[in-house]
Amino acid sequence: MAIRQSSKHLIAPELAAMLDFFPDMNFVEQGMDAFRSGLDERVLPQLPPELEAVTREERFVPGLNGAPEVRVLLYTPPGAATGLRPALLHIHGGGYIMGNPEINDGLNRTTVLEQGCVVVSVDYRLAPETAWPGALEDCYAALLWLHGHAEELNVDTARIAVAGESAGGGHAAAVALFARDRHREDAAAPSFCFQLLDCPMLDDRSGTAHPDPHPYTGEFVWTPERNHFGWSAMLGMEAGTDTVPEEAVPARRKDLSGLPPTFIALGALDLFLEESLEYTRRLTREGVPVELHVIPGAYHGFSIAQGAPQVTLNAQLRMQALARAFSV
């Protein structure tokens, strides 16, 4: 078994200072309310005028199988549509236990402007109050609503992608699998043309249940212990055990065939590095086109270091991948 080593010397100098801005997320001792309220109450910087021009509306869409309505934020480009637009179903991060779609407001507005697309960002139910498959069903309900209102929104149903960061990346991978399964049963069911997984949370076994953990990942921000806590909350059972259902965890799914082209990006020091490498390997063996980027010296959540070259590069790679997916 690999012995964990300090990875501090491997952090890119441009990213090192921002580590001090991350809170000590000791969920077990401090509970989650403080961290949730911190996200809900933080004051976001003033948007530049060009981003203010993007329209944002709050909508409530029908829940799946009698579940409560799902709150979504709908973003549309300024001006009248001159044709059918692509669309992005966006799923926010937060370890499955915190966060809301507002935390990605600037990114979603930027995506709308750069891609000329519609964005629907999902306020899915959080764990542990709602365990699997609640959040997954909320995300799929948002896809059904987007697909069903395509004419109203001037959306091309053949160009609907899904994207998410961290836990949102895990939910994005999960809803892509769920949509694939439904589409196999009913060809009229919506499907995705692309999945963008940014530092995705794919495997409940990472860090704690893995027999040979990576010696240099997961030291900062999102640790094995926090990962285990988040997964256990979302699953409603102990993460990493043999009792976890395959359908609840993207990395446990035996069949990854038939998924849309995929983009995966994350830092080399991220706890999720090896599960992303393995997911990439398995996707390629099923004939799924995959674009993988590993950013040297970057930890989980490094995008907080706005202006750093690694953050700029990651944003460029993300937008370029979306542009290619939407150009088909």
Protein backbone atom coordinates (compact mmCIF):
# COMPACT_ATOMS: atom_id res chain seq x y z
CA MET A 1 0.00 0.00 0.00
CA ALA A 2 1.27 3.44 -0.91
CA ILE A 3 2.18 5.72 2.00
CA ARG A 4 0.67 9.17 1.74
CA GLN A 5 3.24 11.92 1.27
CA SER A 6 2.97 15.67 1.63
CA SER A 7 2.18 17.24 -1.73
CA LYS A 8 2.76 20.84 -0.68
CA HIS A 9 5.98 21.09 -2.67
CA LEU A 10 4.07 20.04 -5.80
CA ILE A 11 1.55 22.92 -5.69
CA ALA A 12 1.96 25.40 -8.53
CA PRO A 13 3.30 28.69 -7.09
CA GLU A 14 0.46 30.66 -8.70
CA LEU A 15 -2.10 28.57 -6.78
CA ALA A 16 -0.43 28.21 -3.39
CA ALA A 17 -1.65 31.42 -1.72
CA MET A 18 -5.33 30.70 -2.38
CA LEU A 19 -5.27 27.61 -0.17
CA ASP A 20 -5.62 29.92 2.84
CA PHE A 21 -9.06 30.99 1.63
CA PHE A 22 -10.61 27.53 1.95
CA PRO A 23 -12.41 26.81 5.25
CA ASP A 24 -11.61 23.83 7.42
CA MET A 25 -14.59 21.71 6.43
CA ASN A 26 -14.86 19.53 9.51
CA PHE A 27 -18.42 18.36 8.89
CA VAL A 28 -18.39 15.68 11.59
CA GLU A 29 -17.55 18.06 14.46
CA GLN A 30 -19.02 21.33 13.16
CA GLY A 31 -22.02 20.13 11.18
CA MET A 32 -22.96 21.41 7.74
CA ASP A 33 -25.15 24.41 8.56
CA ALA A 34 -22.23 26.82 8.94
CA PHE A 35 -20.76 25.88 5.58
CA ARG A 36 -24.13 25.94 3.84
CA SER A 37 -25.00 29.37 5.20
CA GLY A 38 -21.57 30.66 4.23
CA LEU A 39 -22.24 29.73 0.60
CA ASP A 40 -25.81 31.05 0.69
CA GLU A 41 -24.88 34.38 2.27
CA ARG A 42 -21.61 35.25 0.55
CA VAL A 43 -21.63 38.46 -1.44
CA LEU A 44 -20.72 37.91 -5.07
CA PRO A 45 -18.72 40.56 -6.95
CA GLN A 46 -20.51 42.99 -9.22
CA LEU A 47 -21.01 41.48 -12.64
CA PRO A 48 -19.51 43.25 -15.64
CA PRO A 49 -22.11 44.86 -17.94
CA GLU A 50 -21.77 42.22 -20.64
CA LEU A 51 -22.71 39.45 -18.19
CA GLU A 52 -25.58 41.51 -16.78
CA ALA A 53 -27.05 41.43 -20.28
CA VAL A 54 -27.73 37.69 -19.92
CA THR A 55 -31.28 37.05 -18.73
CA ARG A 56 -31.66 34.88 -15.62
CA GLU A 57 -35.05 33.56 -14.54
CA GLU A 58 -36.07 31.29 -11.68
CA ARG A 59 -38.36 28.47 -12.74
CA PHE A 60 -39.91 25.52 -10.92
CA VAL A 61 -40.23 22.31 -12.90
CA PRO A 62 -42.21 19.14 -12.12
CA GLY A 63 -40.37 16.61 -9.98
CA LEU A 64 -39.88 13.06 -11.17
CA ASN A 65 -42.25 10.32 -9.96
CA GLY A 66 -44.25 12.65 -7.72
CA ALA A 67 -41.19 14.28 -6.09
CA PRO A 68 -41.33 17.99 -5.13
CA GLU A 69 -40.88 20.63 -7.80
CA VAL A 70 -37.29 21.32 -8.78
CA ARG A 71 -36.01 24.88 -8.74
CA VAL A 72 -33.82 25.80 -11.71
CA LEU A 73 -32.14 28.95 -12.96
CA LEU A 74 -32.73 29.56 -16.66
CA TYR A 75 -30.13 31.65 -18.50
CA THR A 76 -30.76 32.94 -22.03
CA PRO A 77 -28.62 35.08 -24.35
CA PRO A 78 -29.49 38.74 -24.92
CA GLY A 79 -31.49 39.58 -28.01
CA ALA A 80 -33.95 37.60 -30.07
CA ALA A 81 -33.03 34.10 -31.19
CA THR A 82 -32.20 33.86 -34.90
CA GLY A 83 -32.33 30.07 -34.90
CA LEU A 84 -32.23 27.05 -32.66
CA ARG A 85 -29.70 27.29 -29.86
CA PRO A 86 -27.69 24.61 -28.07
CA ALA A 87 -28.37 24.12 -24.37
CA LEU A 88 -26.39 23.14 -21.30
CA LEU A 89 -27.85 21.43 -18.25
CA HIS A 90 -25.57 22.60 -15.46
CA ILE A 91 -25.20 20.91 -12.05
CA HIS A 92 -23.42 22.71 -9.21
CA GLY A 93 -20.84 21.24 -6.85
CA GLY A 94 -20.66 21.05 -3.07
CA GLY A 95 -19.75 17.51 -2.06
CA TYR A 96 -23.39 16.38 -2.49
CA ILE A 97 -24.19 18.14 0.79
CA MET A 98 -24.09 21.90 0.10
CA GLY A 99 -24.15 24.51 -2.63
CA ASN A 100 -26.73 26.05 -4.94
CA PRO A 101 -26.87 27.11 -8.60
CA GLU A 102 -26.12 30.75 -7.71
CA ILE A 103 -22.49 29.88 -6.89
CA ASN A 104 -21.86 29.36 -10.61
CA ASP A 105 -23.75 32.44 -11.77
CA GLY A 106 -20.77 34.14 -13.39
CA LEU A 107 -19.60 30.96 -15.13
CA ASN A 108 -23.08 30.20 -16.46
CA ARG A 109 -23.51 33.74 -17.77
CA THR A 110 -20.10 33.56 -19.45
CA THR A 111 -21.03 30.23 -21.03
CA VAL A 112 -24.26 31.69 -22.41
CA LEU A 113 -22.41 34.62 -23.99
CA GLU A 114 -19.50 32.63 -25.40
CA GLN A 115 -21.55 29.71 -26.71
CA GLY A 116 -24.78 31.47 -27.61
CA CYS A 117 -26.58 28.75 -25.68
CA VAL A 118 -29.30 28.38 -23.08
CA VAL A 119 -28.21 27.19 -19.63
CA VAL A 120 -30.46 25.48 -17.10
CA SER A 121 -28.80 25.17 -13.68
CA VAL A 122 -30.39 22.72 -11.24
CA ASP A 123 -31.06 23.34 -7.55
CA TYR A 124 -31.20 19.64 -6.72
CA ARG A 125 -32.06 18.34 -3.25
CA LEU A 126 -29.02 17.98 -1.00
CA ALA A 127 -27.90 15.10 1.18
CA PRO A 128 -28.27 13.87 3.84
CA GLU A 129 -31.84 15.23 3.93
CA THR A 130 -32.40 13.59 0.55
CA ALA A 131 -30.50 10.41 -0.25
CA TRP A 132 -29.99 8.69 -3.60
CA PRO A 133 -31.72 8.73 -6.04
CA GLY A 134 -33.35 12.04 -5.10
CA ALA A 135 -30.76 14.42 -6.57
CA LEU A 136 -30.33 12.26 -9.66
CA GLU A 137 -34.08 12.34 -10.29
CA ASP A 138 -34.11 16.13 -9.83
CA CYS A 139 -31.41 16.51 -12.49
CA TYR A 140 -33.27 14.23 -14.88
CA ALA A 141 -36.51 16.11 -14.21
CA ALA A 142 -34.73 19.30 -15.26
CA LEU A 143 -33.58 17.59 -18.46
CA LEU A 144 -37.14 16.47 -19.20
CA TRP A 145 -38.39 20.03 -18.68
CA LEU A 146 -35.65 21.49 -20.90
CA HIS A 147 -36.37 18.94 -23.62
CA GLY A 148 -40.13 19.43 -23.33
CA HIS A 149 -39.85 23.24 -23.53
CA ALA A 150 -37.33 23.25 -26.36
CA GLU A 151 -39.66 25.03 -28.78
CA GLU A 152 -40.43 27.79 -26.27
CA LEU A 153 -36.71 28.23 -25.52
CA ASN A 154 -35.56 27.91 -29.15
CA VAL A 155 -33.38 24.95 -28.16
CA ASP A 156 -32.06 22.31 -30.53
CA THR A 157 -32.80 19.03 -28.74
CA ALA A 158 -29.95 17.34 -30.62
CA ARG A 159 -27.48 19.73 -28.95
CA ILE A 160 -28.18 19.42 -25.22
CA ALA A 161 -25.06 18.89 -23.12
CA VAL A 162 -24.59 18.31 -19.40
CA ALA A 163 -21.86 19.80 -17.22
CA GLY A 164 -20.89 19.92 -13.58
CA GLU A 165 -18.06 20.61 -11.20
CA SER A 166 -16.96 18.28 -8.37
CA ALA A 167 -20.15 16.74 -6.97
CA GLY A 168 -21.91 18.36 -9.91
CA GLY A 169 -19.56 16.45 -12.18
CA GLY A 170 -20.54 13.26 -10.40
CA HIS A 171 -24.22 14.09 -10.82
CA ALA A 172 -23.58 14.98 -14.48
CA ALA A 173 -21.97 11.60 -15.10
CA ALA A 174 -24.80 9.87 -13.26
CA VAL A 175 -27.59 11.65 -15.14
CA ALA A 176 -25.82 10.98 -18.44
CA LEU A 177 -25.92 7.26 -17.61
CA PHE A 178 -29.54 7.53 -16.46
CA ALA A 179 -30.54 9.33 -19.66
CA ARG A 180 -28.70 6.75 -21.76
CA ASP A 181 -30.61 3.96 -20.05
CA ARG A 182 -33.97 5.71 -20.55
CA HIS A 183 -33.12 6.47 -24.19
CA ARG A 184 -32.35 2.80 -24.80
CA GLU A 185 -35.80 1.92 -23.50
CA ASP A 186 -37.56 4.72 -25.39
CA ALA A 187 -35.90 6.39 -28.38
CA ALA A 188 -38.05 9.48 -27.82
CA ALA A 189 -36.52 10.07 -24.38
CA PRO A 190 -34.00 12.93 -24.23
CA SER A 191 -30.29 12.26 -24.51
CA PHE A 192 -27.12 14.30 -24.25
CA CYS A 193 -24.75 15.22 -27.06
CA PHE A 194 -21.83 15.82 -24.68
CA GLN A 195 -20.81 15.61 -21.01
CA LEU A 196 -18.36 18.04 -19.40
CA LEU A 197 -16.99 16.71 -16.12
CA ASP A 198 -14.86 19.21 -14.21
CA CYS A 199 -12.95 17.55 -11.32
CA PRO A 200 -15.80 15.02 -11.11
CA MET A 201 -16.75 13.06 -7.98
CA LEU A 202 -17.15 9.63 -9.58
CA ASP A 203 -16.22 6.92 -7.07
CA ASP A 204 -17.33 6.47 -3.45
CA ARG A 205 -14.32 4.23 -2.79
CA SER A 206 -11.63 6.84 -3.45
CA GLY A 207 -9.25 7.68 -0.65
CA THR A 208 -10.67 5.46 2.09
CA ALA A 209 -11.76 2.13 0.61
CA HIS A 210 -9.14 1.92 -2.14
CA PRO A 211 -6.49 -0.69 -1.33
CA ASP A 212 -3.68 1.42 -2.80
CA PRO A 213 -4.44 5.15 -2.48
CA HIS A 214 -2.42 7.67 -4.46
CA PRO A 215 0.40 9.02 -2.26
CA TYR A 216 0.12 12.65 -3.41
CA THR A 217 -3.57 13.41 -3.94
CA GLY A 218 -6.32 14.60 -1.61
CA GLU A 219 -4.20 16.46 0.91
CA PHE A 220 -5.87 19.82 0.33
CA VAL A 221 -9.47 21.13 0.25
CA TRP A 222 -11.34 17.86 -0.44
CA THR A 223 -9.73 15.09 1.58
CA PRO A 224 -10.51 11.35 1.73
CA GLU A 225 -12.40 11.88 4.97
CA ARG A 226 -14.58 14.65 3.55
CA ASN A 227 -15.17 12.59 0.43
CA HIS A 228 -16.30 9.61 2.50
CA PHE A 229 -18.65 11.87 4.48
CA GLY A 230 -20.19 13.38 1.34
CA TRP A 231 -20.67 10.07 -0.43
CA SER A 232 -22.14 8.39 2.66
CA ALA A 233 -24.61 11.28 3.05
CA MET A 234 -25.70 11.10 -0.59
CA LEU A 235 -25.96 7.31 -0.67
CA GLY A 236 -27.81 7.05 2.64
CA MET A 237 -25.41 4.28 3.65
CA GLU A 238 -21.74 3.73 4.36
CA ALA A 239 -19.70 4.62 1.29
CA GLY A 240 -17.09 2.25 -0.06
CA THR A 241 -18.80 -0.97 1.00
CA ASP A 242 -20.03 -3.90 -1.08
CA THR A 243 -23.64 -2.98 -0.29
CA VAL A 244 -23.55 0.26 -2.33
CA PRO A 245 -25.76 -0.19 -5.42
CA GLU A 246 -23.96 -0.03 -8.74
CA GLU A 247 -26.55 2.39 -10.16
CA ALA A 248 -25.72 5.02 -7.52
CA VAL A 249 -22.04 5.49 -8.43
CA PRO A 250 -20.80 6.22 -11.97
CA ALA A 251 -17.48 4.43 -11.41
CA ARG A 252 -19.28 1.28 -10.26
CA ARG A 253 -21.39 1.04 -13.42
CA LYS A 254 -20.30 -2.00 -15.42
CA ASP A 255 -21.58 -0.68 -18.75
CA LEU A 256 -20.23 2.68 -19.92
CA SER A 257 -21.04 2.13 -23.58
CA GLY A 258 -23.26 4.50 -25.50
CA LEU A 259 -22.33 7.59 -23.51
CA PRO A 260 -21.81 10.92 -25.29
CA PRO A 261 -18.38 12.40 -26.06
CA THR A 262 -16.76 13.44 -22.80
CA PHE A 263 -14.48 16.16 -21.45
CA ILE A 264 -12.71 15.63 -18.12
CA ALA A 265 -10.35 18.11 -16.47
CA LEU A 266 -8.87 18.27 -12.98
CA GLY A 267 -5.73 19.02 -11.03
CA ALA A 268 -2.88 16.55 -10.62
CA LEU A 269 -3.17 16.83 -6.81
CA ASP A 270 -6.95 16.34 -6.74
CA LEU A 271 -8.24 13.36 -4.77
CA PHE A 272 -10.29 12.47 -7.86
CA LEU A 273 -7.27 12.06 -10.14
CA GLU A 274 -7.09 8.29 -10.31
CA GLU A 275 -10.83 7.72 -10.52
CA SER A 276 -10.93 10.19 -13.45
CA LEU A 277 -8.02 8.42 -15.14
CA GLU A 278 -9.78 5.08 -14.72
CA TYR A 279 -13.11 6.45 -15.94
CA THR A 280 -11.33 7.83 -18.99
CA ARG A 281 -9.67 4.49 -19.67
CA ARG A 282 -12.96 2.63 -19.42
CA LEU A 283 -14.79 5.11 -21.64
CA THR A 284 -12.17 4.80 -24.37
CA ARG A 285 -12.48 1.01 -24.26
CA GLU A 286 -16.19 1.45 -25.02
CA GLY A 287 -15.48 3.66 -28.00
CA VAL A 288 -16.55 6.88 -26.26
CA PRO A 289 -14.47 9.89 -27.40
CA VAL A 290 -12.79 11.42 -24.34
CA GLU A 291 -10.73 14.57 -23.90
CA LEU A 292 -8.74 14.47 -20.63
CA HIS A 293 -6.69 17.29 -19.11
CA VAL A 294 -4.62 17.00 -15.93
CA ILE A 295 -3.42 20.39 -14.69
CA PRO A 296 0.01 20.15 -12.99
CA GLY A 297 0.29 21.56 -9.48
CA ALA A 298 -3.47 22.05 -9.10
CA TYR A 299 -5.60 20.90 -6.16
CA HIS A 300 -9.36 20.43 -5.91
CA GLY A 301 -11.17 23.74 -6.34
CA PHE A 302 -8.15 25.55 -7.79
CA SER A 303 -10.43 27.67 -9.98
CA ILE A 304 -10.78 29.98 -6.98
CA ALA A 305 -7.40 31.44 -8.02
CA GLN A 306 -8.87 33.69 -10.70
CA GLY A 307 -6.22 35.10 -13.01
CA ALA A 308 -3.77 32.24 -12.46
CA PRO A 309 -2.59 30.71 -15.74
CA GLN A 310 -3.86 27.27 -14.74
CA VAL A 311 -7.37 28.66 -14.18
CA THR A 312 -7.30 30.56 -17.46
CA LEU A 313 -6.16 27.45 -19.30
CA ASN A 314 -8.87 25.29 -17.74
CA ALA A 315 -11.56 27.83 -18.67
CA GLN A 316 -10.28 27.99 -22.25
CA LEU A 317 -10.19 24.21 -22.59
CA ARG A 318 -13.73 23.98 -21.24
CA MET A 319 -15.13 26.57 -23.63
CA GLN A 320 -13.31 25.12 -26.62
CA ALA A 321 -14.69 21.67 -25.87
CA LEU A 322 -18.24 23.00 -25.56
CA ALA A 323 -17.88 24.94 -28.82
CA ARG A 324 -16.82 21.78 -30.65
CA ALA A 325 -19.69 19.78 -29.15
CA PHE A 326 -22.25 22.43 -30.10
CA SER A 327 -20.90 22.85 -33.63
CA VAL A 328 -21.98 19.35 -34.68
